[in-house]
Amino acid sequence: MEQRLANTWRLTVNEKKFIENALLSDLRVDGRRPFDYRNVIITFGKDDGSAEVQLGQTHVMGFVTGQLVQPYRDRSNEGTLSIFTEFSPMADPSFEPGRPTEAAIELGRVIDRGLRESRAVDTESLCVLPGKLVWAIRIDLHILDNGGNLVDTANIAALAALMTFRRPECSLGGDDGQEVIVHPPEERDPLPLIIHHLPIAITFAFIGSESSVVIDPTHYEEAVMGGRMTTTLNANGDICSIQKAGGEGVLQSVIMQCLRIASVKAGDITQKIKKAVDSFDTQRALKKIKRHPASTAMDIDEVDSKLKKIKSELVDKNDTIISGQSENVEEGGTKSLEQGQTKKGNEVKKFIGGPSSWDPYSKGVDPELLKASLASRGRSTTNKKQEDPKKDHTLSEIKLEEPPTVVNQGSLAVDPAQPEQQSKGEKTLKDAVKPKHKRKKKQSSTGGS
């Protein structure tokens, strides 16, 4: 900090006359014109609702916080908005620590009047439960360096902090629907404040006996000025509030000229604030997006390989189950075949191993019922085979392949005079046709008779 701050209230007579004479020729100490505004620099902190504004050598920081409180009785459906200022000796040696001075109280009232009377912030949207709980928004303004025109700088810091503030989302629950649930930012995104317009404070200083008007006064010009006027306007040119401080009177024409200039400056500052807030919102949105490193392709390949392994394991399990079932079926078939072979060849083979499954109800089964059920199943299968036209050829082939032993046995039983043919078994076509000499014998015997 420069030594200028220690001598702010101790300007010599020559310094005061130099400032006044320079304004008569439309020149200022810092090289600006009478109606030139200093450069505005707006920066934001890591947390939501914190802004830092630098206007020339003036430096102000603003913080916005919210808390659930009970509303006022006369306004049970509206939230509250309050402003607190802190003047520290680090910003200016003329500031005293402890209780706020008159300058601090005046600064807070000017900014509060411009925000509250213009209804810039929608306080009705801050109501959570009518008559019980509302949001109380608090704006803390910390003066870091006093380089002149604290009102405008603090006003811009308050607006920038309000636009970036986010309050937690609340919902009503419980059995009676009167229980307030505050959702953390991990569950639901915080909600911004509803701001209808931006009231911008523009300060004019009246210096000298001829009332030379300058905009955005510095700390030297504030030490020389005889009066000050702060007008709060929005970008549309609507006047939100006017405050005239000081003993010198101001003409009506001068006030109208100041209002016209203030409307232009308010539009420019509004664009700067919105531009800075938009850039901050884009940066905040990019921070929420989770960006993966360059090795994402490898991770995806690993996931695919894991999925393939799981699928192969499932397929192997299914194959083992199916193979186990087929082995059980084959074992059952082989067992029946082995039993038949032992019966035909009278060869007894020992079976190693117990049964695959033991049925506790096998002892109580009636054999006659089993035979009847098997006979019914056989009939149903034969009916199904007759219904299927595709299986007719296979059935006929099977019937042709079967040897006609039953028919031959019947014929042998009927003819007892053919023991030789019984021993031989099947008859041939030669056996069926009688020889010629037998026919002649029969004809001769018939003719002789």
Protein backbone atom coordinates (compact mmCIF):
# COMPACT_ATOMS: atom_id res chain seq x y z
CA MET A 1 0.00 0.00 0.00
CA GLU A 2 1.26 3.46 -0.84
CA GLN A 3 1.88 6.26 1.61
CA ARG A 4 -0.96 8.19 -0.03
CA LEU A 5 -3.51 6.61 2.30
CA ALA A 6 -1.88 8.02 5.41
CA ASN A 7 -2.15 11.57 4.01
CA THR A 8 -5.65 11.26 2.48
CA TRP A 9 -7.29 13.61 4.96
CA ARG A 10 -4.28 15.92 5.19
CA LEU A 11 -4.06 17.38 1.70
CA THR A 12 -2.37 20.74 1.48
CA VAL A 13 -4.01 23.85 0.05
CA ASN A 14 -1.81 23.74 -3.05
CA GLU A 15 -2.82 20.12 -3.79
CA LYS A 16 -6.51 20.98 -3.49
CA LYS A 17 -6.16 24.00 -5.80
CA PHE A 18 -4.25 21.91 -8.32
CA ILE A 19 -7.06 19.34 -8.49
CA GLU A 20 -9.72 22.08 -8.89
CA ASN A 21 -7.83 23.98 -11.57
CA ALA A 22 -7.13 20.78 -13.50
CA LEU A 23 -10.86 19.96 -13.61
CA LEU A 24 -11.59 23.39 -15.11
CA SER A 25 -9.58 22.28 -18.14
CA ASP A 26 -11.29 18.81 -18.18
CA LEU A 27 -8.27 17.03 -16.77
CA ARG A 28 -7.90 14.78 -13.73
CA VAL A 29 -4.96 13.73 -11.62
CA ASP A 30 -4.89 10.13 -12.93
CA GLY A 31 -5.15 11.31 -16.57
CA ARG A 32 -8.84 10.52 -17.14
CA ARG A 33 -11.55 12.75 -18.53
CA PRO A 34 -14.31 13.92 -16.15
CA PHE A 35 -16.78 11.24 -17.29
CA ASP A 36 -14.37 8.34 -17.82
CA TYR A 37 -14.83 5.24 -15.69
CA ARG A 38 -11.93 3.19 -14.40
CA ASN A 39 -11.34 -0.34 -15.61
CA VAL A 40 -13.40 -2.98 -13.80
CA ILE A 41 -11.77 -6.37 -13.09
CA ILE A 42 -14.02 -9.15 -11.72
CA THR A 43 -12.64 -12.44 -10.41
CA PHE A 44 -14.34 -15.32 -8.62
CA GLY A 45 -13.19 -17.67 -5.88
CA LYS A 46 -13.35 -21.44 -5.72
CA ASP A 47 -16.53 -21.47 -3.64
CA ASP A 48 -19.90 -20.41 -5.00
CA GLY A 49 -20.99 -16.93 -3.97
CA SER A 50 -17.56 -15.30 -3.67
CA ALA A 51 -16.39 -12.45 -5.92
CA GLU A 52 -13.52 -10.02 -5.93
CA VAL A 53 -13.77 -6.68 -7.75
CA GLN A 54 -10.99 -4.27 -8.48
CA LEU A 55 -11.82 -0.75 -9.68
CA GLY A 56 -8.55 1.06 -10.21
CA GLN A 57 -6.80 0.95 -6.82
CA THR A 58 -10.01 0.10 -4.96
CA HIS A 59 -10.31 -3.54 -3.98
CA VAL A 60 -13.46 -5.14 -2.47
CA MET A 61 -14.37 -8.78 -1.81
CA GLY A 62 -17.92 -10.05 -1.43
CA PHE A 63 -19.26 -13.30 0.08
CA VAL A 64 -22.85 -14.55 -0.03
CA THR A 65 -24.18 -17.16 2.40
CA GLY A 66 -27.63 -18.59 3.11
CA GLN A 67 -29.34 -19.94 6.21
CA LEU A 68 -32.80 -21.27 7.06
CA VAL A 69 -34.56 -18.98 9.57
CA GLN A 70 -38.07 -18.05 10.65
CA PRO A 71 -39.62 -15.28 8.55
CA TYR A 72 -40.97 -11.97 9.78
CA ARG A 73 -44.60 -11.96 10.86
CA ASP A 74 -45.67 -9.30 8.39
CA ARG A 75 -43.88 -11.13 5.52
CA SER A 76 -44.28 -14.81 6.25
CA ASN A 77 -43.87 -15.85 2.58
CA GLU A 78 -40.67 -13.93 1.83
CA GLY A 79 -37.03 -14.51 2.55
CA THR A 80 -34.63 -11.88 3.82
CA LEU A 81 -31.65 -10.08 2.30
CA SER A 82 -29.10 -8.32 4.49
CA ILE A 83 -25.76 -6.61 3.81
CA PHE A 84 -22.83 -6.27 6.23
CA THR A 85 -19.64 -4.29 5.59
CA GLU A 86 -16.25 -4.61 7.21
CA PHE A 87 -13.74 -1.74 7.20
CA SER A 88 -10.26 -2.83 8.31
CA PRO A 89 -7.27 -0.56 9.04
CA MET A 90 -5.34 -2.58 6.44
CA ALA A 91 -7.46 -0.98 3.70
CA ASP A 92 -7.07 2.58 4.99
CA PRO A 93 -5.39 3.99 8.12
CA SER A 94 -8.42 6.21 8.67
CA PHE A 95 -10.58 3.11 9.27
CA GLU A 96 -10.77 2.05 12.89
CA PRO A 97 -11.23 -1.58 13.98
CA GLY A 98 -14.16 -2.69 16.09
CA ARG A 99 -17.67 -1.36 15.65
CA PRO A 100 -18.68 -0.16 12.15
CA THR A 101 -18.28 3.56 11.58
CA GLU A 102 -20.75 5.93 9.95
CA ALA A 103 -19.09 5.41 6.58
CA ALA A 104 -19.53 1.64 6.84
CA ILE A 105 -23.19 1.98 7.84
CA GLU A 106 -23.85 4.43 5.01
CA LEU A 107 -22.18 2.13 2.47
CA GLY A 108 -24.33 -0.83 3.53
CA ARG A 109 -27.55 1.20 3.43
CA VAL A 110 -26.92 2.60 -0.04
CA ILE A 111 -26.32 -0.87 -1.53
CA ASP A 112 -29.21 -2.38 0.44
CA ARG A 113 -31.61 0.31 -0.74
CA GLY A 114 -30.66 -0.22 -4.37
CA LEU A 115 -31.19 -4.00 -4.15
CA ARG A 116 -34.24 -4.17 -1.89
CA GLU A 117 -36.38 -1.28 -3.13
CA SER A 118 -35.87 -2.28 -6.75
CA ARG A 119 -36.92 -5.89 -5.96
CA ALA A 120 -33.92 -7.15 -7.89
CA VAL A 121 -33.79 -10.42 -5.90
CA ASP A 122 -37.00 -12.47 -5.80
CA THR A 123 -37.47 -12.95 -2.05
CA GLU A 124 -40.68 -14.97 -2.46
CA SER A 125 -38.72 -17.77 -4.12
CA LEU A 126 -36.66 -18.05 -0.91
CA CYS A 127 -39.67 -19.34 1.04
CA VAL A 128 -39.48 -23.04 1.95
CA LEU A 129 -42.38 -23.44 4.40
CA PRO A 130 -44.71 -20.41 4.74
CA GLY A 131 -44.62 -18.94 8.20
CA LYS A 132 -41.97 -21.38 9.44
CA LEU A 133 -38.81 -21.51 7.34
CA VAL A 134 -37.32 -19.19 4.72
CA TRP A 135 -33.85 -18.58 3.35
CA ALA A 136 -31.95 -15.62 4.82
CA ILE A 137 -29.35 -14.38 2.32
CA ARG A 138 -26.42 -12.51 3.83
CA ILE A 139 -23.88 -10.45 1.84
CA ASP A 140 -20.55 -9.71 3.54
CA LEU A 141 -18.43 -7.00 1.93
CA HIS A 142 -14.78 -6.74 2.94
CA ILE A 143 -12.83 -3.61 1.99
CA LEU A 144 -9.31 -4.70 1.07
CA ASP A 145 -7.99 -1.43 -0.34
CA ASN A 146 -9.54 2.02 -0.37
CA GLY A 147 -8.70 3.81 -3.59
CA GLY A 148 -11.91 5.83 -3.79
CA ASN A 149 -15.53 5.15 -4.83
CA LEU A 150 -16.20 2.28 -2.41
CA VAL A 151 -19.95 2.34 -3.12
CA ASP A 152 -19.69 1.37 -6.80
CA THR A 153 -17.02 -1.25 -6.19
CA ALA A 154 -18.92 -2.87 -3.31
CA ASN A 155 -22.15 -2.83 -5.33
CA ILE A 156 -20.52 -4.68 -8.25
CA ALA A 157 -18.97 -7.21 -5.83
CA ALA A 158 -22.36 -7.84 -4.21
CA LEU A 159 -24.10 -8.39 -7.57
CA ALA A 160 -21.37 -10.71 -8.88
CA ALA A 161 -21.45 -12.78 -5.68
CA LEU A 162 -25.27 -13.02 -5.79
CA MET A 163 -25.23 -14.25 -9.39
CA THR A 164 -22.78 -17.05 -8.61
CA PHE A 165 -24.39 -18.11 -5.32
CA ARG A 166 -26.15 -21.50 -5.17
CA ARG A 167 -28.42 -22.55 -2.32
CA PRO A 168 -29.23 -26.18 -1.46
CA GLU A 169 -32.48 -27.60 -2.76
CA CYS A 170 -35.17 -28.31 -0.16
CA SER A 171 -38.21 -30.57 -0.23
CA LEU A 172 -41.05 -31.31 2.15
CA GLY A 173 -41.56 -34.80 3.55
CA GLY A 174 -42.72 -36.65 6.62
CA ASP A 175 -46.13 -37.98 7.53
CA ASP A 176 -47.79 -34.57 7.65
CA GLY A 177 -45.70 -33.07 4.82
CA GLN A 178 -44.24 -30.39 7.11
CA GLU A 179 -40.75 -31.82 7.50
CA VAL A 180 -38.08 -29.90 5.56
CA ILE A 181 -35.37 -32.02 3.91
CA VAL A 182 -32.22 -30.20 2.79
CA HIS A 183 -30.53 -32.15 -0.01
CA PRO A 184 -26.72 -32.04 -0.19
CA PRO A 185 -25.09 -31.03 -3.49
CA GLU A 186 -24.06 -34.66 -4.10
CA GLU A 187 -27.71 -35.74 -4.36
CA ARG A 188 -29.23 -32.71 -6.10
CA ASP A 189 -27.68 -29.71 -7.80
CA PRO A 190 -27.96 -26.45 -5.82
CA LEU A 191 -30.33 -23.79 -7.10
CA PRO A 192 -29.32 -20.25 -8.14
CA LEU A 193 -31.08 -17.14 -6.91
CA ILE A 194 -33.76 -15.55 -9.08
CA ILE A 195 -32.41 -12.09 -10.01
CA HIS A 196 -34.72 -10.00 -12.18
CA HIS A 197 -32.26 -7.23 -13.05
CA LEU A 198 -28.92 -5.78 -11.96
CA PRO A 199 -29.07 -2.40 -10.20
CA ILE A 200 -25.74 -0.69 -10.86
CA ALA A 201 -24.59 2.15 -8.56
CA ILE A 202 -22.86 5.10 -10.27
CA THR A 203 -21.31 7.80 -8.07
CA PHE A 204 -20.72 11.45 -9.07
CA ALA A 205 -18.62 13.97 -7.17
CA PHE A 206 -19.12 17.77 -7.17
CA ILE A 207 -15.86 19.65 -6.76
CA GLY A 208 -15.15 23.39 -6.45
CA SER A 209 -17.29 26.47 -6.27
CA GLU A 210 -18.44 26.07 -9.87
CA SER A 211 -19.60 22.48 -9.15
CA SER A 212 -17.40 20.59 -11.55
CA VAL A 213 -18.86 17.08 -11.95
CA VAL A 214 -16.72 13.95 -12.19
CA ILE A 215 -17.67 10.30 -12.31
CA ASP A 216 -15.98 7.53 -10.28
CA PRO A 217 -13.95 9.80 -7.94
CA THR A 218 -10.59 8.69 -6.54
CA HIS A 219 -9.51 9.02 -2.90
CA TYR A 220 -7.87 12.42 -3.65
CA GLU A 221 -11.01 13.76 -5.31
CA GLU A 222 -13.15 12.53 -2.42
CA ALA A 223 -10.97 14.55 -0.03
CA VAL A 224 -11.62 17.71 -2.11
CA MET A 225 -15.28 17.25 -3.16
CA GLY A 226 -18.05 19.30 -1.57
CA GLY A 227 -20.90 16.88 -2.36
CA ARG A 228 -21.66 13.46 -3.80
CA MET A 229 -24.60 11.81 -5.54
CA THR A 230 -25.07 8.05 -6.02
CA THR A 231 -27.65 6.91 -8.59
CA THR A 232 -28.63 3.24 -8.93
CA LEU A 233 -29.94 2.25 -12.36
CA ASN A 234 -30.33 -0.95 -14.38
CA ALA A 235 -29.50 -1.65 -18.01
CA ASN A 236 -33.00 -0.59 -19.10
CA GLY A 237 -32.50 2.91 -17.65
CA ASP A 238 -34.91 2.41 -14.73
CA ILE A 239 -33.91 4.47 -11.67
CA CYS A 240 -33.82 2.28 -8.57
CA SER A 241 -32.57 4.81 -6.00
CA ILE A 242 -30.79 8.17 -5.68
CA GLN A 243 -28.80 9.42 -2.71
CA LYS A 244 -27.40 12.92 -2.37
CA ALA A 245 -24.77 13.43 0.31
CA GLY A 246 -22.98 16.68 1.16
CA GLY A 247 -23.97 20.26 1.83
CA GLU A 248 -23.68 21.76 -1.64
CA GLY A 249 -26.76 22.14 -3.77
CA VAL A 250 -27.04 20.73 -7.29
CA LEU A 251 -29.04 22.13 -10.16
CA GLN A 252 -31.81 20.07 -11.76
CA SER A 253 -30.13 20.22 -15.17
CA VAL A 254 -26.96 18.79 -13.66
CA ILE A 255 -28.90 15.92 -12.08
CA MET A 256 -30.57 15.05 -15.40
CA GLN A 257 -27.20 15.12 -17.14
CA CYS A 258 -25.77 12.78 -14.49
CA LEU A 259 -28.69 10.36 -14.95
CA ARG A 260 -28.17 10.20 -18.71
CA ILE A 261 -24.48 9.43 -18.25
CA ALA A 262 -25.23 6.89 -15.51
CA SER A 263 -27.66 4.95 -17.74
CA VAL A 264 -24.92 4.45 -20.34
CA LYS A 265 -22.33 3.41 -17.77
CA ALA A 266 -24.79 1.03 -16.09
CA GLY A 267 -25.33 -0.80 -19.39
CA ASP A 268 -21.58 -1.22 -19.91
CA ILE A 269 -20.98 -2.51 -16.39
CA THR A 270 -23.92 -4.92 -16.66
CA GLN A 271 -22.42 -6.47 -19.77
CA LYS A 272 -19.06 -6.88 -18.03
CA ILE A 273 -20.68 -8.59 -15.02
CA LYS A 274 -22.70 -10.98 -17.19
CA LYS A 275 -19.68 -11.80 -19.30
CA ALA A 276 -17.58 -12.64 -16.24
CA VAL A 277 -20.38 -14.74 -14.70
CA ASP A 278 -20.93 -16.68 -17.94
CA SER A 279 -17.24 -17.57 -18.17
CA PHE A 280 -17.29 -18.68 -14.52
CA ASP A 281 -20.37 -20.86 -15.12
CA THR A 282 -18.71 -22.58 -18.07
CA GLN A 283 -15.62 -23.29 -15.99
CA ARG A 284 -17.78 -24.67 -13.18
CA ALA A 285 -19.66 -26.92 -15.62
CA LEU A 286 -16.38 -28.24 -17.01
CA LYS A 287 -15.18 -29.08 -13.51
CA LYS A 288 -18.25 -31.25 -12.96
CA ILE A 289 -17.48 -33.31 -16.08
CA LYS A 290 -15.27 -36.27 -15.17
CA ARG A 291 -12.47 -36.44 -17.67
CA HIS A 292 -10.62 -39.75 -17.98
CA PRO A 293 -6.90 -40.05 -18.84
CA ALA A 294 -5.54 -41.24 -22.18
CA SER A 295 -5.55 -44.89 -21.02
CA THR A 296 -9.32 -45.19 -21.31
CA ALA A 297 -9.01 -47.48 -24.36
CA MET A 298 -7.02 -49.99 -22.32
CA ASP A 299 -9.64 -49.92 -19.60
CA ILE A 300 -12.38 -50.58 -22.14
CA ASP A 301 -10.41 -53.50 -23.56
CA GLU A 302 -10.00 -54.93 -20.08
CA VAL A 303 -13.72 -54.66 -19.51
CA ASP A 304 -14.42 -56.41 -22.80
CA SER A 305 -11.96 -59.17 -21.94
CA LYS A 306 -13.62 -59.63 -18.55
CA LEU A 307 -17.03 -59.87 -20.19
CA LYS A 308 -15.70 -62.44 -22.64
CA LYS A 309 -14.23 -64.50 -19.80
CA ILE A 310 -17.55 -64.44 -17.94
CA LYS A 311 -19.40 -65.52 -21.09
CA SER A 312 -16.93 -68.36 -21.73
CA GLU A 313 -17.26 -69.54 -18.13
CA LEU A 314 -21.06 -69.57 -18.45
CA VAL A 315 -20.83 -71.52 -21.72
CA ASP A 316 -18.45 -74.04 -20.13
CA LYS A 317 -20.80 -74.50 -17.20
CA ASN A 318 -23.73 -75.13 -19.56
CA ASP A 319 -21.65 -77.61 -21.57
CA THR A 320 -20.65 -79.50 -18.44
CA ILE A 321 -24.28 -79.67 -17.29
CA ILE A 322 -25.43 -80.94 -20.69
CA SER A 323 -22.56 -83.44 -20.91
CA GLY A 324 -23.35 -84.66 -17.40
CA GLN A 325 -26.97 -85.24 -18.36
CA SER A 326 -25.96 -87.05 -21.54
CA GLU A 327 -23.49 -89.20 -19.59
CA ASN A 328 -26.26 -90.13 -17.17
CA VAL A 329 -28.50 -91.09 -20.08
CA GLU A 330 -25.71 -93.08 -21.73
CA GLU A 331 -24.91 -94.83 -18.48
CA GLY A 332 -28.58 -95.81 -18.11
CA GLY A 333 -28.65 -97.15 -21.67
CA THR A 334 -25.40 -99.07 -21.25
CA LYS A 335 -26.62 -100.54 -18.02
CA SER A 336 -29.76 -101.90 -19.69
CA LEU A 337 -27.70 -103.28 -22.58
CA GLU A 338 -25.26 -104.96 -20.22
CA GLN A 339 -28.12 -106.51 -18.28
CA GLY A 340 -29.61 -107.90 -21.52
CA GLN A 341 -26.28 -109.31 -22.58
CA THR A 342 -25.81 -111.05 -19.24
CA LYS A 343 -29.23 -112.61 -19.52
CA LYS A 344 -28.69 -113.82 -23.11
CA GLY A 345 -25.21 -115.13 -22.61
CA ASN A 346 -25.81 -116.23 -19.03
CA GLU A 347 -22.82 -114.17 -18.00
CA VAL A 348 -23.01 -112.46 -14.65
CA LYS A 349 -21.12 -109.11 -14.41
CA LYS A 350 -20.72 -107.16 -11.26
CA PHE A 351 -21.71 -103.49 -11.38
CA ILE A 352 -19.27 -101.22 -9.60
CA GLY A 353 -20.79 -98.09 -8.02
CA GLY A 354 -24.12 -97.19 -6.53
CA PRO A 355 -27.21 -95.73 -8.14
CA SER A 356 -27.03 -92.15 -9.41
CA SER A 357 -30.22 -91.18 -7.61
CA TRP A 358 -32.22 -93.04 -4.97
CA ASP A 359 -36.00 -92.82 -5.08
CA PRO A 360 -37.55 -93.31 -1.63
CA TYR A 361 -40.94 -94.07 -3.20
CA SER A 362 -39.71 -96.99 -5.33
CA LYS A 363 -40.50 -99.56 -2.63
CA GLY A 364 -44.14 -98.56 -2.41
CA VAL A 365 -44.88 -98.64 -6.16
CA ASP A 366 -47.41 -101.22 -7.38
CA PRO A 367 -45.99 -103.24 -10.35
CA GLU A 368 -49.40 -103.63 -11.99
CA LEU A 369 -49.94 -99.86 -12.02
CA LEU A 370 -46.48 -99.46 -13.52
CA LYS A 371 -47.30 -101.93 -16.32
CA ALA A 372 -50.60 -100.17 -17.05
CA SER A 373 -48.91 -96.75 -17.20
CA LEU A 374 -46.17 -98.09 -19.47
CA ALA A 375 -48.75 -99.69 -21.74
CA SER A 376 -50.68 -96.40 -21.98
CA ARG A 377 -47.44 -94.56 -22.79
CA GLY A 378 -46.71 -97.10 -25.53
CA ARG A 379 -50.11 -96.55 -27.06
CA SER A 380 -49.74 -92.81 -26.97
CA THR A 381 -46.34 -93.05 -28.65
CA THR A 382 -47.76 -95.31 -31.39
CA ASN A 383 -50.62 -92.87 -31.96
CA LYS A 384 -48.14 -90.01 -32.21
CA LYS A 385 -46.06 -91.96 -34.69
CA GLN A 386 -49.12 -92.64 -36.84
CA GLU A 387 -50.00 -88.93 -36.75
CA ASP A 388 -46.57 -87.92 -37.97
CA PRO A 389 -46.48 -88.43 -41.78
CA LYS A 390 -42.72 -88.02 -41.90
CA LYS A 391 -42.16 -91.10 -39.76
CA ASP A 392 -44.28 -93.51 -41.92
CA HIS A 393 -41.33 -94.48 -44.10
CA THR A 394 -39.16 -95.32 -41.14
CA LEU A 395 -41.91 -97.45 -39.59
CA SER A 396 -42.40 -99.38 -42.83
CA GLU A 397 -38.68 -99.98 -43.14
CA ILE A 398 -38.53 -101.30 -39.59
CA LYS A 399 -41.45 -103.64 -40.26
CA LEU A 400 -39.84 -104.98 -43.42
CA GLU A 401 -36.59 -105.67 -41.66
CA GLU A 402 -38.32 -107.74 -38.97
CA PRO A 403 -38.21 -111.53 -39.80
CA PRO A 404 -41.66 -113.13 -40.28
CA THR A 405 -41.02 -115.71 -37.61
CA VAL A 406 -44.45 -115.38 -36.05
CA VAL A 407 -46.28 -116.27 -39.27
CA ASN A 408 -44.05 -119.30 -39.89
CA GLN A 409 -44.54 -120.56 -36.40
CA GLY A 410 -48.32 -120.34 -36.84
CA SER A 411 -48.21 -122.28 -40.10
CA LEU A 412 -45.98 -124.90 -38.53
CA ALA A 413 -48.37 -125.32 -35.66
CA VAL A 414 -51.28 -125.86 -38.06
CA ASP A 415 -49.41 -128.50 -40.18
CA PRO A 416 -48.35 -131.33 -37.89
CA ALA A 417 -47.40 -133.54 -40.90
CA GLN A 418 -44.29 -131.49 -41.67
CA PRO A 419 -41.75 -132.12 -38.91
CA GLU A 420 -38.88 -131.57 -41.23
CA GLN A 421 -40.06 -128.08 -42.14
CA GLN A 422 -40.44 -127.23 -38.45
CA SER A 423 -36.85 -128.21 -37.88
CA LYS A 424 -35.79 -126.21 -40.93
CA GLY A 425 -37.77 -123.13 -39.95
CA GLU A 426 -38.73 -120.83 -42.80
CA LYS A 427 -40.59 -121.96 -46.00
CA THR A 428 -39.45 -121.12 -49.50
CA LEU A 429 -41.27 -120.66 -52.83
CA LYS A 430 -40.18 -124.14 -53.97
CA ASP A 431 -41.90 -125.68 -50.99
CA ALA A 432 -45.12 -123.85 -51.78
CA VAL A 433 -45.21 -125.13 -55.42
CA LYS A 434 -46.03 -128.84 -55.76
CA PRO A 435 -43.92 -130.98 -58.12
CA LYS A 436 -45.30 -132.13 -61.52
CA HIS A 437 -45.28 -135.88 -60.81
CA LYS A 438 -47.54 -135.38 -57.82
CA ARG A 439 -50.00 -133.47 -59.99
CA LYS A 440 -50.04 -136.26 -62.57
CA LYS A 441 -50.66 -138.86 -59.89
CA LYS A 442 -53.60 -136.93 -58.62
CA GLN A 443 -55.08 -136.51 -62.14
CA SER A 444 -54.62 -140.25 -62.90
CA SER A 445 -56.23 -141.25 -59.67
CA THR A 446 -59.21 -139.04 -60.43
CA GLY A 447 -59.49 -140.41 -64.03
CA GLY A 448 -59.35 -144.09 -62.91
CA SER A 449 -62.04 -143.61 -60.44
